PDB file of N, CA and C in Angstrom:
ATOM      1  N   MET A   1      21.084  -2.439 -53.055  1.00  0.00           N
ATOM      2  CA  MET A   1      20.275  -3.620 -53.101  1.00  0.00           C
ATOM      3  C   MET A   1      21.025  -4.692 -53.896  1.00  0.00           C
ATOM      4  N   SER A   2      21.050  -5.919 -53.405  1.00  0.00           N
ATOM      5  CA  SER A   2      21.792  -6.982 -54.081  1.00  0.00           C
ATOM      6  C   SER A   2      20.887  -7.688 -55.089  1.00  0.00           C
ATOM      7  N   LYS A   3      21.518  -8.248 -56.116  1.00  0.00           N
ATOM      8  CA  LYS A   3      20.774  -9.003 -57.120  1.00  0.00           C
ATOM      9  C   LYS A   3      20.609 -10.438 -56.658  1.00  0.00           C
ATOM     10  N   LYS A   4      19.448 -10.995 -56.896  1.00  0.00           N
ATOM     11  CA  LYS A   4      19.186 -12.387 -56.544  1.00  0.00           C
ATOM     12  C   LYS A   4      19.602 -13.280 -57.704  1.00  0.00           C
ATOM     13  N   ASN A   5      20.044 -14.475 -57.379  1.00  0.00           N
ATOM     14  CA  ASN A   5      20.408 -15.458 -58.386  1.00  0.00           C
ATOM     15  C   ASN A   5      19.121 -16.086 -58.920  1.00  0.00           C
ATOM     16  N   ILE A   6      18.805 -15.849 -60.188  1.00  0.00           N
ATOM     17  CA  ILE A   6      17.556 -16.348 -60.741  1.00  0.00           C
ATOM     18  C   ILE A   6      17.780 -17.487 -61.728  1.00  0.00           C
ATOM     19  N   SER A   7      18.991 -18.045 -61.770  1.00  0.00           N
ATOM     20  CA  SER A   7      19.244 -19.155 -62.687  1.00  0.00           C
ATOM     21  C   SER A   7      18.701 -20.460 -62.099  1.00  0.00           C
ATOM     22  N   ARG A   8      18.727 -21.500 -62.912  1.00  0.00           N
ATOM     23  CA  ARG A   8      18.228 -22.801 -62.492  1.00  0.00           C
ATOM     24  C   ARG A   8      19.120 -23.390 -61.409  1.00  0.00           C
ATOM     25  N   PRO A   9      18.611 -24.325 -60.601  1.00  0.00           N
ATOM     26  CA  PRO A   9      19.414 -24.908 -59.522  1.00  0.00           C
ATOM     27  C   PRO A   9      20.657 -25.652 -60.020  1.00  0.00           C
ATOM     28  N   ASP A  10      20.611 -26.214 -61.241  1.00  0.00           N
ATOM     29  CA  ASP A  10      21.775 -26.924 -61.747  1.00  0.00           C
ATOM     30  C   ASP A  10      22.800 -25.978 -62.352  1.00  0.00           C
ATOM     31  N   GLY A  11      22.532 -24.684 -62.351  1.00  0.00           N
ATOM     32  CA  GLY A  11      23.482 -23.700 -62.821  1.00  0.00           C
ATOM     33  C   GLY A  11      23.342 -23.335 -64.284  1.00  0.00           C
ATOM     34  N   LEU A  12      22.485 -24.018 -65.031  1.00  0.00           N
ATOM     35  CA  LEU A  12      22.327 -23.751 -66.454  1.00  0.00           C
ATOM     36  C   LEU A  12      21.251 -22.692 -66.652  1.00  0.00           C
ATOM     37  N   ALA A  13      21.617 -21.608 -67.278  1.00  0.00           N
ATOM     38  CA  ALA A  13      20.653 -20.564 -67.567  1.00  0.00           C
ATOM     39  C   ALA A  13      20.115 -20.718 -68.989  1.00  0.00           C
ATOM     40  N   TYR A  14      21.035 -21.012 -69.950  1.00  0.00           N
ATOM     41  CA  TYR A  14      20.626 -21.157 -71.336  1.00  0.00           C
ATOM     42  C   TYR A  14      21.787 -21.759 -72.108  1.00  0.00           C
ATOM     43  N   SER A  15      21.475 -22.611 -73.072  1.00  0.00           N
ATOM     44  CA  SER A  15      22.528 -23.201 -73.894  1.00  0.00           C
ATOM     45  C   SER A  15      22.106 -23.161 -75.351  1.00  0.00           C
ATOM     46  N   THR A  16      23.039 -22.746 -76.220  1.00  0.00           N
ATOM     47  CA  THR A  16      22.772 -22.747 -77.653  1.00  0.00           C
ATOM     48  C   THR A  16      23.314 -24.001 -78.319  1.00  0.00           C
ATOM     49  N   ASN A  17      23.987 -24.850 -77.556  1.00  0.00           N
ATOM     50  CA  ASN A  17      24.549 -26.090 -78.073  1.00  0.00           C
ATOM     51  C   ASN A  17      23.420 -27.080 -78.320  1.00  0.00           C
ATOM     52  N   LYS A  18      23.219 -27.494 -79.566  1.00  0.00           N
ATOM     53  CA  LYS A  18      22.119 -28.402 -79.903  1.00  0.00           C
ATOM     54  C   LYS A  18      22.308 -29.790 -79.315  1.00  0.00           C
ATOM     55  N   ASP A  19      23.539 -30.199 -79.073  1.00  0.00           N
ATOM     56  CA  ASP A  19      23.815 -31.532 -78.547  1.00  0.00           C
ATOM     57  C   ASP A  19      23.897 -31.565 -77.032  1.00  0.00           C
ATOM     58  N   PHE A  20      23.657 -30.447 -76.362  1.00  0.00           N
ATOM     59  CA  PHE A  20      23.814 -30.389 -74.911  1.00  0.00           C
ATOM     60  C   PHE A  20      22.890 -31.369 -74.203  1.00  0.00           C
ATOM     61  N   PHE A  21      21.623 -31.374 -74.575  1.00  0.00           N
ATOM     62  CA  PHE A  21      20.667 -32.225 -73.878  1.00  0.00           C
ATOM     63  C   PHE A  21      20.758 -33.674 -74.318  1.00  0.00           C
ATOM     64  N   ASN A  22      21.419 -33.958 -75.430  1.00  0.00           N
ATOM     65  CA  ASN A  22      21.614 -35.331 -75.872  1.00  0.00           C
ATOM     66  C   ASN A  22      22.809 -35.984 -75.205  1.00  0.00           C
ATOM     67  N   SER A  23      23.606 -35.218 -74.461  1.00  0.00           N
ATOM     68  CA  SER A  23      24.805 -35.763 -73.842  1.00  0.00           C
ATOM     69  C   SER A  23      24.525 -36.461 -72.519  1.00  0.00           C
ATOM     70  N   PHE A  24      23.324 -36.332 -71.991  1.00  0.00           N
ATOM     71  CA  PHE A  24      22.983 -36.993 -70.744  1.00  0.00           C
ATOM     72  C   PHE A  24      22.632 -38.448 -71.003  1.00  0.00           C
ATOM     73  N   PRO A  25      23.027 -39.362 -70.130  1.00  0.00           N
ATOM     74  CA  PRO A  25      22.692 -40.778 -70.341  1.00  0.00           C
ATOM     75  C   PRO A  25      21.193 -41.010 -70.170  1.00  0.00           C
ATOM     76  N   GLU A  26      20.674 -41.941 -70.946  1.00  0.00           N
ATOM     77  CA  GLU A  26      19.261 -42.303 -70.855  1.00  0.00           C
ATOM     78  C   GLU A  26      19.017 -43.058 -69.560  1.00  0.00           C
ATOM     79  N   GLU A  27      17.887 -42.768 -68.914  1.00  0.00           N
ATOM     80  CA  GLU A  27      17.533 -43.532 -67.732  1.00  0.00           C
ATOM     81  C   GLU A  27      16.991 -44.881 -68.173  1.00  0.00           C
ATOM     82  N   GLU A  28      17.494 -45.926 -67.559  1.00  0.00           N
ATOM     83  CA  GLU A  28      17.006 -47.247 -67.905  1.00  0.00           C
ATOM     84  C   GLU A  28      15.703 -47.494 -67.151  1.00  0.00           C
ATOM     85  N   PRO A  29      14.720 -48.100 -67.805  1.00  0.00           N
ATOM     86  CA  PRO A  29      13.458 -48.354 -67.130  1.00  0.00           C
ATOM     87  C   PRO A  29      13.643 -49.361 -65.996  1.00  0.00           C
ATOM     88  N   ALA A  30      12.948 -49.115 -64.908  1.00  0.00           N
ATOM     89  CA  ALA A  30      13.039 -50.007 -63.763  1.00  0.00           C
ATOM     90  C   ALA A  30      12.356 -51.327 -64.085  1.00  0.00           C
ATOM     91  N   ASP A  31      12.981 -52.412 -63.641  1.00  0.00           N
ATOM     92  CA  ASP A  31      12.360 -53.714 -63.831  1.00  0.00           C
ATOM     93  C   ASP A  31      11.193 -53.842 -62.867  1.00  0.00           C
ATOM     94  N   THR A  32      10.179 -54.536 -63.312  1.00  0.00           N
ATOM     95  CA  THR A  32       9.007 -54.736 -62.471  1.00  0.00           C
ATOM     96  C   THR A  32       9.288 -55.840 -61.469  1.00  0.00           C
ATOM     97  N   LEU A  33       9.027 -55.544 -60.195  1.00  0.00           N
ATOM     98  CA  LEU A  33       9.194 -56.557 -59.165  1.00  0.00           C
ATOM     99  C   LEU A  33       8.147 -57.647 -59.341  1.00  0.00           C
ATOM    100  N   PRO A  34       8.446 -58.874 -58.910  1.00  0.00           N
ATOM    101  CA  PRO A  34       7.428 -59.929 -58.954  1.00  0.00           C
ATOM    102  C   PRO A  34       6.227 -59.547 -58.082  1.00  0.00           C
ATOM    103  N   LYS A  35       5.081 -60.115 -58.394  1.00  0.00           N
ATOM    104  CA  LYS A  35       3.843 -59.752 -57.689  1.00  0.00           C
ATOM    105  C   LYS A  35       3.949 -59.981 -56.187  1.00  0.00           C
ATOM    106  N   ASP A  36       4.597 -61.059 -55.763  1.00  0.00           N
ATOM    107  CA  ASP A  36       4.671 -61.345 -54.327  1.00  0.00           C
ATOM    108  C   ASP A  36       5.636 -60.419 -53.579  1.00  0.00           C
ATOM    109  N   LYS A  37       6.474 -59.658 -54.304  1.00  0.00           N
ATOM    110  CA  LYS A  37       7.408 -58.710 -53.690  1.00  0.00           C
ATOM    111  C   LYS A  37       6.861 -57.277 -53.670  1.00  0.00           C
ATOM    112  N   GLN A  38       5.787 -57.018 -54.378  1.00  0.00           N
ATOM    113  CA  GLN A  38       5.188 -55.669 -54.420  1.00  0.00           C
ATOM    114  C   GLN A  38       4.531 -55.352 -53.080  1.00  0.00           C
ATOM    115  N   LYS A  39       4.696 -54.124 -52.614  1.00  0.00           N
ATOM    116  CA  LYS A  39       4.044 -53.669 -51.379  1.00  0.00           C
ATOM    117  C   LYS A  39       3.040 -52.591 -51.754  1.00  0.00           C
ATOM    118  N   LEU A  40       1.846 -53.001 -52.102  1.00  0.00           N
ATOM    119  CA  LEU A  40       0.813 -52.068 -52.544  1.00  0.00           C
ATOM    120  C   LEU A  40      -0.011 -51.590 -51.354  1.00  0.00           C
ATOM    121  N   ARG A  41      -0.361 -50.319 -51.385  1.00  0.00           N
ATOM    122  CA  ARG A  41      -1.210 -49.716 -50.354  1.00  0.00           C
ATOM    123  C   ARG A  41      -2.441 -49.134 -51.039  1.00  0.00           C
ATOM    124  N   VAL A  42      -3.597 -49.492 -50.530  1.00  0.00           N
ATOM    125  CA  VAL A  42      -4.861 -49.014 -51.093  1.00  0.00           C
ATOM    126  C   VAL A  42      -5.470 -48.060 -50.073  1.00  0.00           C
ATOM    127  N   SER A  43      -5.835 -46.859 -50.531  1.00  0.00           N
ATOM    128  CA  SER A  43      -6.412 -45.863 -49.631  1.00  0.00           C
ATOM    129  C   SER A  43      -7.487 -45.065 -50.358  1.00  0.00           C
ATOM    130  N   LEU A  44      -8.278 -44.354 -49.569  1.00  0.00           N
ATOM    131  CA  LEU A  44      -9.307 -43.467 -50.118  1.00  0.00           C
ATOM    132  C   LEU A  44      -8.823 -42.035 -49.984  1.00  0.00           C
ATOM    133  N   ASP A  45      -9.224 -41.207 -50.945  1.00  0.00           N
ATOM    134  CA  ASP A  45      -8.801 -39.812 -50.926  1.00  0.00           C
ATOM    135  C   ASP A  45      -9.898 -38.953 -51.539  1.00  0.00           C
ATOM    136  N   LYS A  46     -10.067 -37.754 -51.008  1.00  0.00           N
ATOM    137  CA  LYS A  46     -10.995 -36.807 -51.627  1.00  0.00           C
ATOM    138  C   LYS A  46     -10.454 -35.384 -51.586  1.00  0.00           C
ATOM    139  N   LYS A  47      -9.162 -35.253 -51.339  1.00  0.00           N
ATOM    140  CA  LYS A  47      -8.546 -33.934 -51.304  1.00  0.00           C
ATOM    141  C   LYS A  47      -8.411 -33.385 -52.714  1.00  0.00           C
ATOM    142  N   GLN A  48      -8.780 -32.148 -52.892  1.00  0.00           N
ATOM    143  CA  GLN A  48      -8.714 -31.420 -54.163  1.00  0.00           C
ATOM    144  C   GLN A  48      -9.434 -32.152 -55.290  1.00  0.00           C
ATOM    145  N   ARG A  49     -10.517 -32.833 -54.947  1.00  0.00           N
ATOM    146  CA  ARG A  49     -11.307 -33.530 -55.945  1.00  0.00           C
ATOM    147  C   ARG A  49     -12.785 -33.136 -55.833  1.00  0.00           C
ATOM    148  N   ALA A  50     -13.036 -31.945 -55.362  1.00  0.00           N
ATOM    149  CA  ALA A  50     -14.385 -31.390 -55.217  1.00  0.00           C
ATOM    150  C   ALA A  50     -15.264 -32.285 -54.351  1.00  0.00           C
ATOM    151  N   GLY A  51     -14.680 -32.917 -53.324  1.00  0.00           N
ATOM    152  CA  GLY A  51     -15.438 -33.751 -52.410  1.00  0.00           C
ATOM    153  C   GLY A  51     -15.730 -35.147 -52.918  1.00  0.00           C
ATOM    154  N   LYS A  52     -15.320 -35.471 -54.125  1.00  0.00           N
ATOM    155  CA  LYS A  52     -15.557 -36.810 -54.681  1.00  0.00           C
ATOM    156  C   LYS A  52     -14.483 -37.762 -54.172  1.00  0.00           C
ATOM    157  N   VAL A  53     -14.882 -38.984 -53.873  1.00  0.00           N
ATOM    158  CA  VAL A  53     -13.966 -39.982 -53.331  1.00  0.00           C
ATOM    159  C   VAL A  53     -13.315 -40.761 -54.458  1.00  0.00           C
ATOM    160  N   VAL A  54     -12.011 -40.983 -54.342  1.00  0.00           N
ATOM    161  CA  VAL A  54     -11.288 -41.846 -55.268  1.00  0.00           C
ATOM    162  C   VAL A  54     -10.493 -42.860 -54.459  1.00  0.00           C
ATOM    163  N   THR A  55     -10.216 -44.000 -55.063  1.00  0.00           N
ATOM    164  CA  THR A  55      -9.401 -45.030 -54.450  1.00  0.00           C
ATOM    165  C   THR A  55      -8.006 -44.951 -55.058  1.00  0.00           C
ATOM    166  N   LEU A  56      -6.990 -44.868 -54.208  1.00  0.00           N
ATOM    167  CA  LEU A  56      -5.607 -44.767 -54.659  1.00  0.00           C
ATOM    168  C   LEU A  56      -4.874 -46.072 -54.377  1.00  0.00           C
ATOM    169  N   VAL A  57      -4.138 -46.563 -55.356  1.00  0.00           N
ATOM    170  CA  VAL A  57      -3.261 -47.707 -55.166  1.00  0.00           C
ATOM    171  C   VAL A  57      -1.840 -47.179 -55.328  1.00  0.00           C
ATOM    172  N   ASP A  58      -1.032 -47.314 -54.278  1.00  0.00           N
ATOM    173  CA  ASP A  58       0.310 -46.762 -54.249  1.00  0.00           C
ATOM    174  C   ASP A  58       1.317 -47.865 -53.951  1.00  0.00           C
ATOM    175  N   GLY A  59       2.564 -47.642 -54.351  1.00  0.00           N
ATOM    176  CA  GLY A  59       3.639 -48.553 -54.003  1.00  0.00           C
ATOM    177  C   GLY A  59       4.054 -49.499 -55.110  1.00  0.00           C
ATOM    178  N   PHE A  60       3.492 -49.366 -56.308  1.00  0.00           N
ATOM    179  CA  PHE A  60       3.860 -50.248 -57.413  1.00  0.00           C
ATOM    180  C   PHE A  60       5.259 -49.908 -57.887  1.00  0.00           C
ATOM    181  N   VAL A  61       6.123 -50.914 -57.978  1.00  0.00           N
ATOM    182  CA  VAL A  61       7.491 -50.723 -58.449  1.00  0.00           C
ATOM    183  C   VAL A  61       7.628 -51.464 -59.763  1.00  0.00           C
ATOM    184  N   GLY A  62       7.850 -50.717 -60.840  1.00  0.00           N
ATOM    185  CA  GLY A  62       8.007 -51.353 -62.140  1.00  0.00           C
ATOM    186  C   GLY A  62       7.864 -50.380 -63.279  1.00  0.00           C
ATOM    187  N   THR A  63       7.728 -50.927 -64.459  1.00  0.00           N
ATOM    188  CA  THR A  63       7.642 -50.103 -65.656  1.00  0.00           C
ATOM    189  C   THR A  63       6.268 -49.444 -65.754  1.00  0.00           C
ATOM    190  N   ALA A  64       6.212 -48.377 -66.518  1.00  0.00           N
ATOM    191  CA  ALA A  64       4.960 -47.651 -66.706  1.00  0.00           C
ATOM    192  C   ALA A  64       3.937 -48.520 -67.429  1.00  0.00           C
ATOM    193  N   GLU A  65       4.399 -49.367 -68.354  1.00  0.00           N
ATOM    194  CA  GLU A  65       3.477 -50.238 -69.092  1.00  0.00           C
ATOM    195  C   GLU A  65       2.806 -51.241 -68.166  1.00  0.00           C
ATOM    196  N   ASP A  66       3.569 -51.812 -67.218  1.00  0.00           N
ATOM    197  CA  ASP A  66       2.990 -52.771 -66.274  1.00  0.00           C
ATOM    198  C   ASP A  66       2.014 -52.088 -65.327  1.00  0.00           C
ATOM    199  N   MET A  67       2.338 -50.859 -64.942  1.00  0.00           N
ATOM    200  CA  MET A  67       1.425 -50.112 -64.071  1.00  0.00           C
ATOM    201  C   MET A  67       0.141 -49.764 -64.814  1.00  0.00           C
ATOM    202  N   GLU A  68       0.267 -49.381 -66.085  1.00  0.00           N
ATOM    203  CA  GLU A  68      -0.912 -49.099 -66.916  1.00  0.00           C
ATOM    204  C   GLU A  68      -1.788 -50.352 -67.037  1.00  0.00           C
ATOM    205  N   ALA A  69      -1.152 -51.518 -67.221  1.00  0.00           N
ATOM    206  CA  ALA A  69      -1.900 -52.768 -67.369  1.00  0.00           C
ATOM    207  C   ALA A  69      -2.669 -53.098 -66.092  1.00  0.00           C
ATOM    208  N   LEU A  70      -2.021 -52.930 -64.928  1.00  0.00           N
ATOM    209  CA  LEU A  70      -2.705 -53.184 -63.662  1.00  0.00           C
ATOM    210  C   LEU A  70      -3.836 -52.181 -63.459  1.00  0.00           C
ATOM    211  N   GLY A  71      -3.600 -50.917 -63.779  1.00  0.00           N
ATOM    212  CA  GLY A  71      -4.639 -49.900 -63.649  1.00  0.00           C
ATOM    213  C   GLY A  71      -5.832 -50.198 -64.536  1.00  0.00           C
ATOM    214  N   LYS A  72      -5.576 -50.626 -65.763  1.00  0.00           N
ATOM    215  CA  LYS A  72      -6.665 -50.959 -66.678  1.00  0.00           C
ATOM    216  C   LYS A  72      -7.457 -52.158 -66.164  1.00  0.00           C
ATOM    217  N   GLN A  73      -6.746 -53.138 -65.635  1.00  0.00           N
ATOM    218  CA  GLN A  73      -7.415 -54.320 -65.093  1.00  0.00           C
ATOM    219  C   GLN A  73      -8.315 -53.943 -63.906  1.00  0.00           C
ATOM    220  N   LEU A  74      -7.822 -53.067 -63.034  1.00  0.00           N
ATOM    221  CA  LEU A  74      -8.624 -52.630 -61.885  1.00  0.00           C
ATOM    222  C   LEU A  74      -9.830 -51.801 -62.321  1.00  0.00           C
ATOM    223  N   LYS A  75      -9.625 -50.899 -63.279  1.00  0.00           N
ATOM    224  CA  LYS A  75     -10.744 -50.077 -63.756  1.00  0.00           C
ATOM    225  C   LYS A  75     -11.818 -50.940 -64.402  1.00  0.00           C
ATOM    226  N   THR A  76     -11.412 -51.950 -65.158  1.00  0.00           N
ATOM    227  CA  THR A  76     -12.368 -52.841 -65.801  1.00  0.00           C
ATOM    228  C   THR A  76     -13.135 -53.648 -64.759  1.00  0.00           C
ATOM    229  N   LYS A  77     -12.406 -54.174 -63.770  1.00  0.00           N
ATOM    230  CA  LYS A  77     -13.036 -54.996 -62.724  1.00  0.00           C
ATOM    231  C   LYS A  77     -14.023 -54.163 -61.896  1.00  0.00           C
ATOM    232  N   CYS A  78     -13.680 -52.896 -61.636  1.00  0.00           N
ATOM    233  CA  CYS A  78     -14.565 -52.028 -60.852  1.00  0.00           C
ATOM    234  C   CYS A  78     -15.690 -51.448 -61.699  1.00  0.00           C
ATOM    235  N   GLY A  79     -15.512 -51.389 -63.002  1.00  0.00           N
ATOM    236  CA  GLY A  79     -16.505 -50.751 -63.860  1.00  0.00           C
ATOM    237  C   GLY A  79     -16.520 -49.249 -63.658  1.00  0.00           C
ATOM    238  N   ALA A  80     -15.341 -48.688 -63.405  1.00  0.00           N
ATOM    239  CA  ALA A  80     -15.242 -47.257 -63.115  1.00  0.00           C
ATOM    240  C   ALA A  80     -14.094 -46.656 -63.920  1.00  0.00           C
ATOM    241  N   GLY A  81     -14.076 -45.341 -63.960  1.00  0.00           N
ATOM    242  CA  GLY A  81     -12.998 -44.640 -64.629  1.00  0.00           C
ATOM    243  C   GLY A  81     -11.824 -44.450 -63.702  1.00  0.00           C
ATOM    244  N   GLY A  82     -10.775 -43.888 -64.250  1.00  0.00           N
ATOM    245  CA  GLY A  82      -9.608 -43.627 -63.439  1.00  0.00           C
ATOM    246  C   GLY A  82      -8.427 -43.261 -64.310  1.00  0.00           C
ATOM    247  N   SER A  83      -7.263 -43.167 -63.678  1.00  0.00           N
ATOM    248  CA  SER A  83      -6.053 -42.826 -64.408  1.00  0.00           C
ATOM    249  C   SER A  83      -4.836 -43.282 -63.623  1.00  0.00           C
ATOM    250  N   ILE A  84      -3.682 -43.109 -64.240  1.00  0.00           N
ATOM    251  CA  ILE A  84      -2.406 -43.393 -63.601  1.00  0.00           C
ATOM    252  C   ILE A  84      -1.610 -42.096 -63.632  1.00  0.00           C
ATOM    253  N   LYS A  85      -1.315 -41.535 -62.449  1.00  0.00           N
ATOM    254  CA  LYS A  85      -0.598 -40.270 -62.350  1.00  0.00           C
ATOM    255  C   LYS A  85       0.354 -40.309 -61.168  1.00  0.00           C
ATOM    256  N   ASP A  86       1.555 -39.796 -61.371  1.00  0.00           N
ATOM    257  CA  ASP A  86       2.532 -39.601 -60.294  1.00  0.00           C
ATOM    258  C   ASP A  86       2.766 -40.856 -59.456  1.00  0.00           C
ATOM    259  N   GLY A  87       2.750 -42.024 -60.066  1.00  0.00           N
ATOM    260  CA  GLY A  87       2.998 -43.266 -59.343  1.00  0.00           C
ATOM    261  C   GLY A  87       1.790 -43.817 -58.624  1.00  0.00           C
ATOM    262  N   TYR A  88       0.627 -43.252 -58.855  1.00  0.00           N
ATOM    263  CA  TYR A  88      -0.610 -43.727 -58.245  1.00  0.00           C
ATOM    264  C   TYR A  88      -1.539 -44.287 -59.318  1.00  0.00           C
ATOM    265  N   ILE A  89      -2.247 -45.338 -58.963  1.00  0.00           N
ATOM    266  CA  ILE A  89      -3.369 -45.796 -59.781  1.00  0.00           C
ATOM    267  C   ILE A  89      -4.599 -45.205 -59.117  1.00  0.00           C
ATOM    268  N   ILE A  90      -5.350 -44.412 -59.852  1.00  0.00           N
ATOM    269  CA  ILE A  90      -6.509 -43.698 -59.311  1.00  0.00           C
ATOM    270  C   ILE A  90      -7.769 -44.300 -59.914  1.00  0.00           C
ATOM    271  N   ILE A  91      -8.666 -44.788 -59.043  1.00  0.00           N
ATOM    272  CA  ILE A  91      -9.946 -45.351 -59.466  1.00  0.00           C
ATOM    273  C   ILE A  91     -11.038 -44.448 -58.905  1.00  0.00           C
ATOM    274  N   GLN A  92     -11.947 -44.010 -59.761  1.00  0.00           N
ATOM    275  CA  GLN A  92     -13.019 -43.118 -59.319  1.00  0.00           C
ATOM    276  C   GLN A  92     -14.039 -43.901 -58.512  1.00  0.00           C
ATOM    277  N   GLY A  93     -14.246 -43.481 -57.269  1.00  0.00           N
ATOM    278  CA  GLY A  93     -15.222 -44.117 -56.400  1.00  0.00           C
ATOM    279  C   GLY A  93     -14.559 -44.838 -55.236  1.00  0.00           C
ATOM    280  N   ASP A  94     -15.388 -45.341 -54.326  1.00  0.00           N
ATOM    281  CA  ASP A  94     -14.917 -46.043 -53.130  1.00  0.00           C
ATOM    282  C   ASP A  94     -14.924 -47.549 -53.400  1.00  0.00           C
ATOM    283  N   TYR A  95     -13.770 -48.081 -53.798  1.00  0.00           N
ATOM    284  CA  TYR A  95     -13.642 -49.509 -54.112  1.00  0.00           C
ATOM    285  C   TYR A  95     -12.564 -50.173 -53.272  1.00  0.00           C
ATOM    286  N   LYS A  96     -12.187 -49.565 -52.153  1.00  0.00           N
ATOM    287  CA  LYS A  96     -11.094 -50.088 -51.337  1.00  0.00           C
ATOM    288  C   LYS A  96     -11.369 -51.515 -50.868  1.00  0.00           C
ATOM    289  N   GLU A  97     -12.560 -51.772 -50.368  1.00  0.00           N
ATOM    290  CA  GLU A  97     -12.882 -53.087 -49.823  1.00  0.00           C
ATOM    291  C   GLU A  97     -12.956 -54.162 -50.907  1.00  0.00           C
ATOM    292  N   LYS A  98     -13.139 -53.777 -52.151  1.00  0.00           N
ATOM    293  CA  LYS A  98     -13.174 -54.734 -53.255  1.00  0.00           C
ATOM    294  C   LYS A  98     -11.787 -54.943 -53.863  1.00  0.00           C
ATOM    295  N   ILE A  99     -11.007 -53.881 -53.951  1.00  0.00           N
ATOM    296  CA  ILE A  99      -9.708 -53.955 -54.626  1.00  0.00           C
ATOM    297  C   ILE A  99      -8.706 -54.794 -53.845  1.00  0.00           C
ATOM    298  N   ILE A 100      -8.689 -54.678 -52.522  1.00  0.00           N
ATOM    299  CA  ILE A 100      -7.707 -55.414 -51.718  1.00  0.00           C
ATOM    300  C   ILE A 100      -7.825 -56.927 -51.932  1.00  0.00           C
ATOM    301  N   PRO A 101      -9.014 -57.542 -51.839  1.00  0.00           N
ATOM    302  CA  PRO A 101      -9.082 -58.994 -52.110  1.00  0.00           C
ATOM    303  C   PRO A 101      -8.732 -59.362 -53.545  1.00  0.00           C
ATOM    304  N   TRP A 102      -9.083 -58.528 -54.508  1.00  0.00           N
ATOM    305  CA  TRP A 102      -8.740 -58.814 -55.903  1.00  0.00           C
ATOM    306  C   TRP A 102      -7.237 -58.848 -56.082  1.00  0.00           C
ATOM    307  N   LEU A 103      -6.531 -57.847 -55.523  1.00  0.00           N
ATOM    308  CA  LEU A 103      -5.077 -57.807 -55.647  1.00  0.00           C
ATOM    309  C   LEU A 103      -4.435 -59.029 -54.991  1.00  0.00           C
ATOM    310  N   ARG A 104      -4.948 -59.432 -53.833  1.00  0.00           N
ATOM    311  CA  ARG A 104      -4.407 -60.626 -53.172  1.00  0.00           C
ATOM    312  C   ARG A 104      -4.665 -61.878 -54.001  1.00  0.00           C
ATOM    313  N   ASP A 105      -5.838 -61.974 -54.616  1.00  0.00           N
ATOM    314  CA  ASP A 105      -6.149 -63.125 -55.492  1.00  0.00           C
ATOM    315  C   ASP A 105      -5.232 -63.149 -56.710  1.00  0.00           C
ATOM    316  N   TRP A 106      -4.820 -61.994 -57.189  1.00  0.00           N
ATOM    317  CA  TRP A 106      -3.979 -61.895 -58.381  1.00  0.00           C
ATOM    318  C   TRP A 106      -2.505 -62.105 -58.054  1.00  0.00           C
ATOM    319  N   GLY A 107      -2.170 -62.329 -56.764  1.00  0.00           N
ATOM    320  CA  GLY A 107      -0.796 -62.633 -56.390  1.00  0.00           C
ATOM    321  C   GLY A 107      -0.047 -61.514 -55.671  1.00  0.00           C
ATOM    322  N   TYR A 108      -0.681 -60.377 -55.471  1.00  0.00           N
ATOM    323  CA  TYR A 108      -0.042 -59.268 -54.736  1.00  0.00           C
ATOM    324  C   TYR A 108      -0.279 -59.490 -53.247  1.00  0.00           C
ATOM    325  N   ALA A 109       0.572 -60.317 -52.624  1.00  0.00           N
ATOM    326  CA  ALA A 109       0.348 -60.770 -51.252  1.00  0.00           C
ATOM    327  C   ALA A 109       0.507 -59.655 -50.219  1.00  0.00           C
ATOM    328  N   ASN A 110       1.413 -58.698 -50.447  1.00  0.00           N
ATOM    329  CA  ASN A 110       1.681 -57.630 -49.482  1.00  0.00           C
ATOM    330  C   ASN A 110       0.805 -56.416 -49.729  1.00  0.00           C
ATOM    331  N   THR A 111      -0.484 -56.612 -49.765  1.00  0.00           N
ATOM    332  CA  THR A 111      -1.422 -55.518 -50.026  1.00  0.00           C
ATOM    333  C   THR A 111      -2.179 -55.179 -48.760  1.00  0.00           C
ATOM    334  N   LYS A 112      -2.243 -53.892 -48.449  1.00  0.00           N
ATOM    335  CA  LYS A 112      -2.997 -53.418 -47.268  1.00  0.00           C
ATOM    336  C   LYS A 112      -3.942 -52.333 -47.693  1.00  0.00           C
TER     337      LYS A 112
END
């Protein structure tokens, strides 16, 4: 019976060198695109949410702080809870028909 390779895909199994992980270059934060260049998509989703509907805003290109600010603004305007996860702004409830005009009024012209 042959042995399977169980190491990590990058080939590193373990390192005792304390400076090993500090030798990688820092990722520079992405600059936020101007509002008129953003291509935002608003959709409804209820998968793996116990049948509850949430509104997803996808396609934001920029820093995490700017995405948090937009998410907070949307949650406040909707009067609902939500979060920012995996590049999505998640708003609890069905607010698709309200969010699209708000985003267009705020300068996000390429919103569907």
